[in-house]
Protein backbone atom coordinates (compact mmCIF):
# COMPACT_ATOMS: atom_id res chain seq x y z
CA MET A 1 14.18 -21.00 17.26
CA LYS A 2 14.90 -22.33 13.80
CA GLU A 3 12.57 -25.31 14.27
CA SER A 4 9.35 -22.71 15.23
CA THR A 5 9.90 -20.40 12.48
CA THR A 6 10.82 -22.63 9.14
CA GLU A 7 8.97 -25.66 9.72
CA ILE A 8 6.28 -24.31 7.52
CA PHE A 9 9.23 -24.00 4.81
CA ARG A 10 10.27 -27.72 5.12
CA SER A 11 7.07 -29.76 5.59
CA ALA A 12 3.65 -28.12 5.16
CA PRO A 13 1.47 -28.76 2.76
CA VAL A 14 2.32 -26.80 -0.52
CA PRO A 15 -0.86 -24.44 -0.80
CA LYS A 16 -0.67 -24.14 3.20
CA ALA A 17 2.89 -23.34 2.71
CA VAL A 18 2.33 -20.82 -0.45
CA ILE A 19 -0.56 -19.11 1.18
CA SER A 20 0.94 -18.47 4.43
CA ASN A 21 3.80 -16.69 2.90
CA ILE A 22 1.86 -14.89 0.50
CA ILE A 23 -1.24 -13.76 2.40
CA PRO A 24 1.69 -11.11 4.83
CA SER A 25 3.59 -10.62 1.50
CA ILE A 26 0.53 -9.16 -0.49
CA ILE A 27 -1.10 -7.30 2.42
CA SER A 28 2.34 -5.64 2.97
CA MET A 29 2.51 -4.75 -0.86
CA MET A 30 -1.21 -3.55 -1.09
CA MET A 31 -0.47 -1.14 2.11
CA VAL A 32 2.52 0.18 -0.36
CA LEU A 33 0.03 0.65 -3.01
CA VAL A 34 -2.77 2.33 -0.41
CA TYR A 35 -0.17 4.89 0.88
CA ASN A 36 0.93 5.46 -2.84
CA LEU A 37 -2.56 6.41 -4.05
CA ALA A 38 -3.03 8.37 -0.33
CA ASP A 39 -0.37 10.72 -1.46
CA THR A 40 -1.71 11.41 -4.61
CA PHE A 41 -5.45 11.49 -3.68
CA PHE A 42 -4.68 13.92 -1.03
CA ILE A 43 -2.91 15.97 -3.52
CA GLY A 44 -5.17 15.77 -5.70
CA GLN A 45 -8.00 17.16 -3.09
CA THR A 46 -6.03 21.02 -3.58
CA LYS A 47 -7.29 20.81 -6.96
CA ASP A 48 -3.84 21.72 -8.45
CA PRO A 49 -3.01 19.01 -11.29
CA TYR A 50 0.71 20.60 -11.33
CA MET A 51 1.03 19.27 -7.67
CA VAL A 52 -0.10 15.77 -9.03
CA ALA A 53 1.96 16.17 -12.06
CA ALA A 54 5.27 17.20 -9.63
CA VAL A 55 4.69 14.50 -7.04
CA SER A 56 4.74 12.12 -10.13
CA ILE A 57 7.84 13.48 -11.72
CA ALA A 58 9.50 13.15 -7.96
CA THR A 59 8.19 9.70 -6.99
CA PRO A 60 10.86 8.34 -9.80
CA ALA A 61 13.87 9.52 -8.28
CA PHE A 62 12.48 8.22 -4.75
CA LEU A 63 12.08 4.82 -6.13
CA ILE A 64 15.76 4.33 -7.36
CA PHE A 65 16.67 4.98 -3.48
CA MET A 66 13.86 2.36 -2.66
CA ALA A 67 15.83 0.10 -5.23
CA VAL A 68 18.61 0.10 -2.38
CA GLY A 69 16.93 -1.39 0.16
CA LEU A 70 15.71 -4.32 -2.01
CA LEU A 71 19.10 -4.78 -3.31
CA PHE A 72 19.84 -5.83 0.17
CA GLY A 73 16.40 -7.39 0.86
CA ILE A 74 15.92 -9.37 -1.99
CA GLY A 75 19.87 -10.29 -2.05
CA GLY A 76 19.68 -11.35 1.83
CA THR A 77 16.49 -12.62 1.82
CA SER A 78 17.68 -14.99 -1.07
CA LEU A 79 21.19 -15.87 0.48
CA ILE A 80 19.69 -16.42 4.04
CA SER A 81 16.61 -18.68 3.03
CA ARG A 82 19.48 -20.91 1.46
CA MET A 83 21.90 -20.71 4.13
CA LEU A 84 18.75 -21.92 6.59
CA GLY A 85 17.77 -24.61 3.96
CA GLU A 86 21.64 -26.02 4.50
CA GLY A 87 21.57 -25.60 8.37
CA ARG A 88 24.06 -22.62 8.31
CA GLU A 89 22.67 -19.90 10.89
CA ASP A 90 25.65 -18.10 11.77
CA MET A 91 26.17 -17.44 8.45
CA ALA A 92 22.42 -15.80 8.19
CA LYS A 93 23.50 -13.77 11.26
CA LYS A 94 26.63 -12.29 9.11
CA VAL A 95 24.29 -11.60 5.76
CA SER A 96 21.53 -9.58 7.98
CA SER A 97 24.14 -7.86 9.68
CA PHE A 98 25.75 -6.93 6.56
CA CYS A 99 22.66 -6.03 5.17
CA PHE A 100 21.88 -3.51 8.12
CA TRP A 101 25.33 -1.63 8.40
CA THR A 102 25.83 -1.22 4.46
CA GLY A 103 22.51 -0.16 3.72
CA GLY A 104 22.22 2.56 6.19
CA THR A 105 25.31 4.03 5.47
CA ILE A 106 24.51 4.20 1.77
CA GLY A 107 21.04 5.82 2.96
CA VAL A 108 22.99 8.69 4.83
CA VAL A 109 25.46 9.12 1.84
CA SER A 110 22.10 9.15 -0.26
CA MET A 111 20.63 11.61 1.71
CA ILE A 112 22.98 14.40 1.41
CA PHE A 113 23.66 13.93 -2.08
CA ILE A 114 19.96 14.88 -3.06
CA TRP A 115 20.19 18.03 -0.37
CA ILE A 116 23.14 18.92 -2.58
CA PHE A 117 21.73 17.97 -6.43
CA SER A 118 17.89 18.57 -5.34
CA THR A 119 17.21 20.95 -8.52
CA PRO A 120 19.52 19.57 -11.27
CA LEU A 121 17.87 16.64 -10.26
CA CYS A 122 14.40 17.50 -10.74
CA ILE A 123 15.17 18.83 -13.98
CA LEU A 124 16.97 15.94 -15.36
CA ILE A 125 13.80 13.88 -14.33
CA GLY A 126 11.29 16.12 -16.25
CA ALA A 127 10.34 18.89 -14.14
CA SER A 128 9.01 21.72 -15.93
CA ASP A 129 8.45 25.55 -14.83
CA ASP A 130 5.65 25.03 -13.61
CA THR A 131 6.41 22.12 -11.79
CA LEU A 132 10.20 22.26 -10.51
CA GLU A 133 9.27 24.20 -7.29
CA TYR A 134 6.87 21.46 -6.11
CA SER A 135 9.47 18.54 -7.19
CA ARG A 136 11.99 20.14 -5.37
CA ASP A 137 9.92 20.77 -2.31
CA TYR A 138 8.73 17.02 -2.19
CA LEU A 139 12.25 15.40 -2.84
CA ASN A 140 14.08 17.54 -0.40
CA ILE A 141 11.93 16.08 2.37
CA VAL A 142 11.90 12.73 1.33
CA ALA A 143 15.24 12.71 1.26
CA ALA A 144 15.46 13.27 5.05
CA GLY A 145 14.02 9.82 5.58
CA ILE A 146 16.15 7.65 2.83
CA PRO A 147 18.11 5.68 5.69
CA PHE A 148 15.15 4.79 7.12
CA LEU A 149 13.48 4.12 3.71
CA ILE A 150 16.31 1.71 2.67
CA ILE A 151 16.41 -0.53 6.23
CA SER A 152 12.65 -0.45 6.22
CA ASN A 153 12.41 -2.10 2.65
CA CYS A 154 15.72 -4.02 3.18
CA PHE A 155 14.09 -5.88 6.46
CA SER A 156 10.89 -5.98 5.33
CA ASN A 157 12.10 -8.90 3.21
CA VAL A 158 15.13 -9.99 4.92
CA ILE A 159 13.04 -11.11 7.78
CA ARG A 160 10.60 -13.19 5.78
CA ALA A 161 13.66 -15.56 5.49
CA GLU A 162 13.51 -16.56 8.52
CA GLY A 163 9.78 -17.72 8.34
CA ARG A 164 8.60 -15.07 10.00
CA ALA A 165 5.89 -13.28 7.23
CA LYS A 166 3.73 -11.86 9.82
CA THR A 167 6.62 -9.84 11.64
CA ALA A 168 7.53 -8.24 8.55
CA MET A 169 3.95 -7.73 7.51
CA THR A 170 3.40 -5.86 10.28
CA GLY A 171 6.07 -3.48 9.98
CA MET A 172 5.02 -2.51 6.74
CA ILE A 173 1.29 -1.66 7.71
CA ILE A 174 2.88 0.35 10.91
CA GLY A 175 4.69 2.50 8.46
CA ASN A 176 2.25 2.92 5.74
CA LEU A 177 -0.68 3.71 8.18
CA ILE A 178 1.44 6.25 9.86
CA ASN A 179 1.60 7.34 6.34
CA ILE A 180 -2.02 7.54 5.71
CA ILE A 181 -2.85 9.25 8.52
CA PHE A 182 -0.70 12.00 8.42
CA ASP A 183 -1.71 12.59 5.00
CA PRO A 184 -4.73 14.63 5.28
CA ILE A 185 -3.39 16.12 8.13
CA MET A 186 -0.44 17.52 6.73
CA ILE A 187 -1.60 18.18 3.26
CA ILE A 188 -5.10 19.38 3.87
CA GLY A 189 -5.18 20.14 7.40
CA LEU A 190 -1.67 21.83 7.78
CA HIS A 191 -1.83 23.35 4.10
CA TRP A 192 1.42 21.74 3.68
CA ASN A 193 0.28 20.40 0.09
CA VAL A 194 3.50 18.48 -1.50
CA LYS A 195 5.67 19.33 1.38
CA GLY A 196 2.98 17.82 3.63
CA ALA A 197 3.04 14.39 1.65
CA ALA A 198 6.58 14.20 1.93
CA ALA A 199 6.66 14.73 5.46
CA ALA A 200 4.01 12.07 6.25
CA THR A 201 5.99 9.63 3.88
CA VAL A 202 9.34 10.23 6.07
CA LEU A 203 7.30 9.88 9.21
CA GLY A 204 5.97 6.56 7.65
CA ASN A 205 9.73 5.17 6.88
CA VAL A 206 11.05 5.83 10.51
CA PHE A 207 8.40 3.99 12.23
CA SER A 208 8.59 1.14 9.84
CA ALA A 209 12.29 0.71 10.38
CA VAL A 210 12.18 1.48 13.91
CA PHE A 211 9.63 -1.65 14.31
CA TYR A 212 11.85 -3.96 12.47
CA LEU A 213 15.05 -2.60 14.89
CA ALA A 214 13.07 -3.50 17.52
CA HIS A 215 12.35 -6.83 16.75
CA LEU A 216 16.11 -7.59 15.31
CA LEU A 217 17.43 -6.36 18.89
CA SER A 218 15.01 -9.00 20.47
CA LYS A 219 15.43 -12.53 21.47
CA LYS A 220 12.66 -13.72 19.22
CA THR A 221 15.32 -13.69 15.81
CA MET A 222 17.61 -15.82 14.81
CA LEU A 223 19.12 -13.05 12.83
CA SER A 224 21.56 -9.97 13.57
CA ILE A 225 22.40 -6.45 13.29
CA SER A 226 25.27 -6.57 15.66
CA PRO A 227 28.58 -5.17 14.45
CA LYS A 228 30.63 -8.01 15.54
CA ASP A 229 28.66 -10.40 12.87
CA TYR A 230 29.38 -7.64 10.19
CA ARG A 231 31.30 -9.83 7.46
CA ILE A 232 32.11 -8.28 3.95
CA ARG A 233 34.39 -11.42 3.05
CA SER A 234 33.56 -15.26 3.04
CA GLY A 235 31.28 -14.72 0.38
CA VAL A 236 28.33 -12.49 2.61
CA ALA A 237 28.78 -9.32 -0.10
CA LEU A 238 29.00 -11.30 -2.85
CA GLY A 239 26.13 -13.24 -2.12
CA VAL A 240 24.12 -10.64 -1.27
CA LEU A 241 24.80 -8.66 -4.49
CA ALA A 242 24.95 -10.87 -6.75
CA ILE A 243 20.95 -11.49 -6.36
CA GLY A 244 20.63 -8.16 -4.85
CA ILE A 245 21.90 -6.13 -7.74
CA PRO A 246 19.60 -7.68 -10.40
CA ALA A 247 16.83 -7.35 -8.35
CA SER A 248 17.07 -3.66 -7.35
CA LEU A 249 18.09 -3.24 -11.13
CA ASN A 250 14.71 -4.18 -12.10
CA SER A 251 13.49 -1.31 -9.83
CA ILE A 252 15.94 1.07 -10.78
CA MET A 253 15.10 0.52 -14.64
CA MET A 254 11.45 0.73 -13.98
CA SER A 255 12.47 4.22 -12.38
CA VAL A 256 14.63 5.16 -15.33
CA SER A 257 12.11 4.04 -17.96
CA ASN A 258 9.03 6.24 -15.90
CA ILE A 259 12.08 9.17 -16.19
CA ILE A 260 12.39 8.77 -19.86
CA ILE A 261 8.60 8.11 -20.37
CA ASN A 262 7.93 11.50 -18.38
CA ASN A 263 10.31 13.52 -20.50
CA PHE A 264 8.53 12.09 -23.80
CA MET A 265 5.32 12.55 -22.38
CA GLY A 266 5.68 16.23 -21.46
CA ASN A 267 5.67 17.25 -25.15
CA TYR A 268 1.90 16.71 -24.96
CA GLY A 269 1.86 19.14 -22.32
CA ASP A 270 1.80 18.48 -18.18
CA MET A 271 -1.78 17.30 -18.07
CA ALA A 272 -0.33 14.35 -20.09
CA VAL A 273 2.17 13.59 -17.32
CA ALA A 274 -0.18 14.19 -14.60
CA GLY A 275 -2.63 11.46 -16.50
CA LEU A 276 0.17 8.92 -16.79
CA GLY A 277 1.05 9.37 -13.17
CA VAL A 278 -2.36 8.59 -12.38
CA ALA A 279 -2.52 5.55 -14.66
CA MET A 280 0.76 4.29 -13.35
CA LYS A 281 -0.86 4.27 -9.91
CA VAL A 282 -4.12 2.35 -11.40
CA ASN A 283 -2.14 -0.25 -12.98
CA MET A 284 -0.01 -0.59 -9.60
CA ILE A 285 -3.16 -2.31 -7.83
CA VAL A 286 -2.59 -5.48 -10.05
CA VAL A 287 1.20 -5.28 -10.15
CA MET A 288 1.92 -4.83 -6.24
CA LEU A 289 -0.44 -7.64 -5.67
CA LEU A 290 1.66 -9.70 -7.89
CA ILE A 291 4.99 -8.60 -6.53
CA GLY A 292 3.83 -9.64 -2.88
CA LEU A 293 2.80 -13.11 -4.15
CA GLY A 294 6.06 -13.43 -6.01
CA SER A 295 8.56 -12.01 -3.45
CA GLY A 296 6.18 -14.08 -0.57
CA ILE A 297 7.42 -17.58 -2.28
CA GLN A 298 10.88 -16.23 -2.81
CA PRO A 299 11.81 -17.43 1.10
CA LEU A 300 10.05 -20.66 0.52
CA LEU A 301 11.65 -21.44 -2.65
CA GLY A 302 15.13 -20.59 -1.54
CA TYR A 303 14.84 -22.85 1.27
CA CYS A 304 13.65 -25.71 -0.83
CA TYR A 305 16.69 -25.31 -3.24
CA GLY A 306 19.10 -24.68 -0.15
CA ALA A 307 17.81 -27.96 1.43
CA GLY A 308 17.73 -30.03 -2.21
CA ASN A 309 14.35 -30.49 -2.14
CA LYS A 310 13.76 -30.27 -6.13
CA ASP A 311 10.02 -32.26 -5.96
CA ARG A 312 9.02 -29.62 -3.35
CA TYR A 313 10.90 -26.65 -5.29
CA PHE A 314 8.72 -27.00 -8.49
CA ALA A 315 5.21 -28.05 -6.52
CA VAL A 316 5.37 -24.57 -4.80
CA LEU A 317 6.54 -22.87 -8.44
CA LYS A 318 3.19 -24.71 -10.19
CA PHE A 319 0.75 -23.81 -7.51
CA SER A 320 1.66 -19.98 -7.38
CA LEU A 321 1.92 -19.70 -11.38
CA LEU A 322 -1.48 -20.86 -11.23
CA LEU A 323 -2.47 -18.82 -8.60
CA ALA A 324 -1.16 -16.01 -9.89
CA PHE A 325 -2.74 -16.19 -13.47
CA GLY A 326 -6.10 -16.21 -11.46
CA LEU A 327 -5.38 -13.33 -9.42
CA SER A 328 -4.06 -11.27 -12.66
CA ALA A 329 -7.20 -12.10 -14.98
CA VAL A 330 -9.27 -11.32 -12.10
CA MET A 331 -7.96 -7.80 -10.88
CA THR A 332 -7.41 -7.05 -14.65
CA VAL A 333 -11.35 -7.25 -15.16
CA ILE A 334 -11.83 -5.06 -11.82
CA CYS A 335 -9.29 -1.92 -12.79
CA TYR A 336 -10.42 -1.95 -16.43
CA CYS A 337 -13.94 -1.70 -15.63
CA GLU A 338 -13.09 0.78 -12.89
CA ALA A 339 -10.62 2.95 -14.62
CA GLY A 340 -12.97 5.50 -14.60
CA PRO A 341 -13.81 6.31 -10.79
CA LEU A 342 -10.35 5.57 -10.17
CA VAL A 343 -8.93 8.33 -11.79
CA LYS A 344 -11.38 10.76 -11.18
CA ALA A 345 -10.48 10.20 -7.37
CA PHE A 346 -7.30 11.71 -8.43
CA LEU A 347 -7.90 14.06 -11.32
CA GLU A 348 -10.63 16.17 -12.18
CA GLU A 349 -9.16 18.67 -14.80
CA PRO A 350 -10.92 17.47 -17.82
CA ASP A 351 -7.74 16.89 -19.91
CA ALA A 352 -6.05 15.53 -17.52
CA PHE A 353 -9.00 12.83 -16.33
CA GLU A 354 -9.13 11.87 -20.31
CA TYR A 355 -5.60 11.36 -20.45
CA GLY A 356 -5.61 9.21 -17.30
CA MET A 357 -8.72 7.11 -18.09
CA THR A 358 -7.31 6.44 -21.71
CA PHE A 359 -3.58 5.34 -20.26
CA SER A 360 -4.99 3.50 -17.27
CA ARG A 361 -6.95 1.14 -19.57
CA ILE A 362 -3.85 0.80 -22.15
CA TYR A 363 -1.64 -0.31 -19.06
CA ILE A 364 -3.62 -2.48 -17.42
CA LEU A 365 -3.68 -4.85 -20.81
CA SER A 366 -0.61 -6.82 -19.50
CA GLY A 367 -2.54 -7.49 -16.62
CA PRO A 368 -3.29 -11.26 -17.16
CA ILE A 369 0.33 -12.53 -17.41
CA ILE A 370 2.10 -9.92 -15.30
CA GLY A 371 1.58 -12.55 -12.35
CA ILE A 372 3.60 -15.17 -14.30
CA LEU A 373 6.45 -12.68 -14.89
CA PHE A 374 6.98 -11.91 -11.00
CA VAL A 375 6.80 -15.38 -10.05
CA LEU A 376 9.12 -16.78 -12.55
CA MET A 377 11.71 -13.55 -11.74
CA ASN A 378 11.25 -14.59 -7.83
CA ALA A 379 11.98 -18.12 -8.78
CA ILE A 380 15.17 -17.14 -10.85
CA GLN A 381 16.33 -15.72 -7.67
CA SER A 382 15.82 -18.42 -5.18
CA LEU A 383 18.22 -20.25 -6.84
CA GLY A 384 21.02 -17.84 -6.65
CA ALA A 385 21.20 -17.04 -10.27
CA ALA A 386 22.71 -13.91 -10.83
CA LEU A 387 23.62 -13.70 -14.36
CA PRO A 388 19.78 -14.79 -15.61
CA SER A 389 18.54 -12.34 -12.42
CA LEU A 390 20.71 -9.72 -14.10
CA ILE A 391 19.53 -10.06 -17.77
CA LEU A 392 15.73 -10.25 -16.67
CA SER A 393 15.99 -7.71 -14.66
CA ILE A 394 17.63 -5.37 -16.98
CA CYS A 395 15.18 -6.74 -19.64
CA ARG A 396 11.84 -5.72 -18.98
CA GLN A 397 12.46 -2.04 -18.21
CA GLY A 398 15.80 -1.33 -19.73
CA ILE A 399 17.01 -3.35 -23.14
CA VAL A 400 13.20 -4.02 -24.29
CA PHE A 401 10.95 -0.94 -22.76
CA ILE A 402 13.32 2.11 -23.76
CA PRO A 403 13.76 1.06 -27.42
CA ILE A 404 10.01 0.41 -27.66
CA LEU A 405 9.31 3.50 -26.33
CA VAL A 406 11.68 5.45 -28.77
CA ILE A 407 10.59 3.58 -31.76
CA PHE A 408 7.07 4.33 -30.91
CA SER A 409 7.68 8.00 -30.07
CA LYS A 410 9.50 8.41 -33.48
CA VAL A 411 6.59 6.39 -35.44
CA PHE A 412 3.40 7.77 -33.65
CA ASP A 413 3.09 11.28 -33.10
CA SER A 414 0.83 10.31 -30.15
CA ALA A 415 0.55 10.47 -26.25
CA LYS A 416 -1.53 7.09 -26.44
CA MET A 417 0.48 5.25 -28.27
CA LEU A 418 3.57 5.72 -26.28
CA ALA A 419 1.55 4.39 -23.43
CA TYR A 420 1.10 1.22 -25.46
CA ALA A 421 4.86 0.43 -25.24
CA GLN A 422 4.60 -0.73 -21.44
CA PRO A 423 1.81 -3.61 -22.00
CA VAL A 424 3.86 -4.54 -25.20
CA THR A 425 7.27 -4.89 -23.30
CA ASP A 426 5.59 -7.03 -20.40
CA TYR A 427 4.68 -9.89 -23.09
CA VAL A 428 8.01 -9.86 -24.46
CA ALA A 429 9.16 -9.95 -21.00
CA VAL A 430 7.27 -12.91 -19.82
CA CYS A 431 8.20 -15.12 -22.89
CA THR A 432 12.08 -14.32 -22.16
CA ALA A 433 11.74 -15.19 -18.24
CA LEU A 434 10.29 -18.05 -19.13
CA THR A 435 12.80 -19.22 -21.31
CA ILE A 436 15.34 -17.93 -18.82
CA PHE A 437 13.82 -20.14 -15.97
CA ILE A 438 13.84 -23.30 -17.92
CA ILE A 439 17.08 -23.10 -18.81
CA THR A 440 18.62 -21.84 -15.31
CA SER A 441 16.61 -24.25 -13.40
CA ARG A 442 17.79 -27.04 -15.58
CA LYS A 443 21.38 -25.96 -14.97
CA TYR A 444 21.44 -25.39 -11.13
CA PHE A 445 19.40 -28.08 -10.40
CA ALA A 446 21.57 -30.31 -12.01
CA ARG A 447 24.63 -28.97 -10.61
CA LEU A 448 23.14 -29.45 -7.28
CA GLN A 449 22.71 -33.09 -7.83
CA GLY A 450 26.05 -33.15 -8.67
CA LYS A 451 27.08 -31.85 -5.50
CA ASN A 452 25.06 -33.65 -3.12
CA SER A 453 26.44 -36.78 -5.31
CA ASP A 454 29.82 -35.68 -4.65
CA SER A 455 29.18 -35.57 -0.75
């Protein structure tokens, strides 16, 4: 089983190894994007910008719980790929079982938490009197799918660690297609509006999670979700959390920063919030594609590092960086030139459209370099470098973005200038990531060489 699923990690030509891993990952991320856009598009067909604003406001809270899935998904993928590179399949089973049961339990607790505190939570994340009811309705329904959401996000990553990128992709596609199919039925056909968008999201997560469970219970996998394989000790929990927490913090900080900018933007009215929400969706076209590229190569890099193959590791990294830059440049040009039609698909109210158009073209300014950032972030995670991953995760959307946002809000009394905080932050983050990676890779490969010499 190992021979058939990890051979491409070990010996395939670098371009083939990279492409075969990133294509399923990119397709998965683009499907996530399509389903995100579908929610906003069909809500936009209600012609009620307050509903669009409400979904934009509620989404960051939802993304925080997606980050829990990423915690176990990215942390589990990093550890499992290194364990398989070292030939430790039994350890890989323990890690996957830990990710399943711990993640699922947190999902149930999170679901109950949202149901109890949905109103104060919506107010906290920026809902106004006009959007509070819509935001609360959306969040309460979406909460029912959080356990499935966490499992789906976790194993869409973890399954790639055993070389089954296509299986991981299929689960994502199934869930997102279910969401897209039921969006128009529930939002427009049944007139459920934001409740329909939330219900479709829940159904998508349930179908995706069930698909992954079927795979994990089959004989096709070297992973396990059996309770008898569940371990917290033996380096399992620590190994997952050491990389998973920094990775999820990046997603959490992104959600927190979105909440903060929504609050700042709320000073300019609900139409500015609606415009910003749509601009973020347009920007996601580039971002999700490049997240897919970065996450797609992480198991490959982790396997190379675990196997002690430095030359192959850096060959994969170099090819991936060049590919990321090329894709970034092309997608940036497309999204900048087509910003008008893209925004128009979601917003027709003149003020909201003007905000959306302006913000979209500002956000996309960091497009040419954002792919480099995601490749370097995943390269650092593939080494199992906990502290560097943590620093980089809180850097982009935390210790860099939030101060820049606050400064811009004080210096410029302009919604447009607030939007510039994100591209400025991205350029700073890329420089930081490059510096951290150079230092970290030298340290970890020197440590690995010393370990191999001792043995």
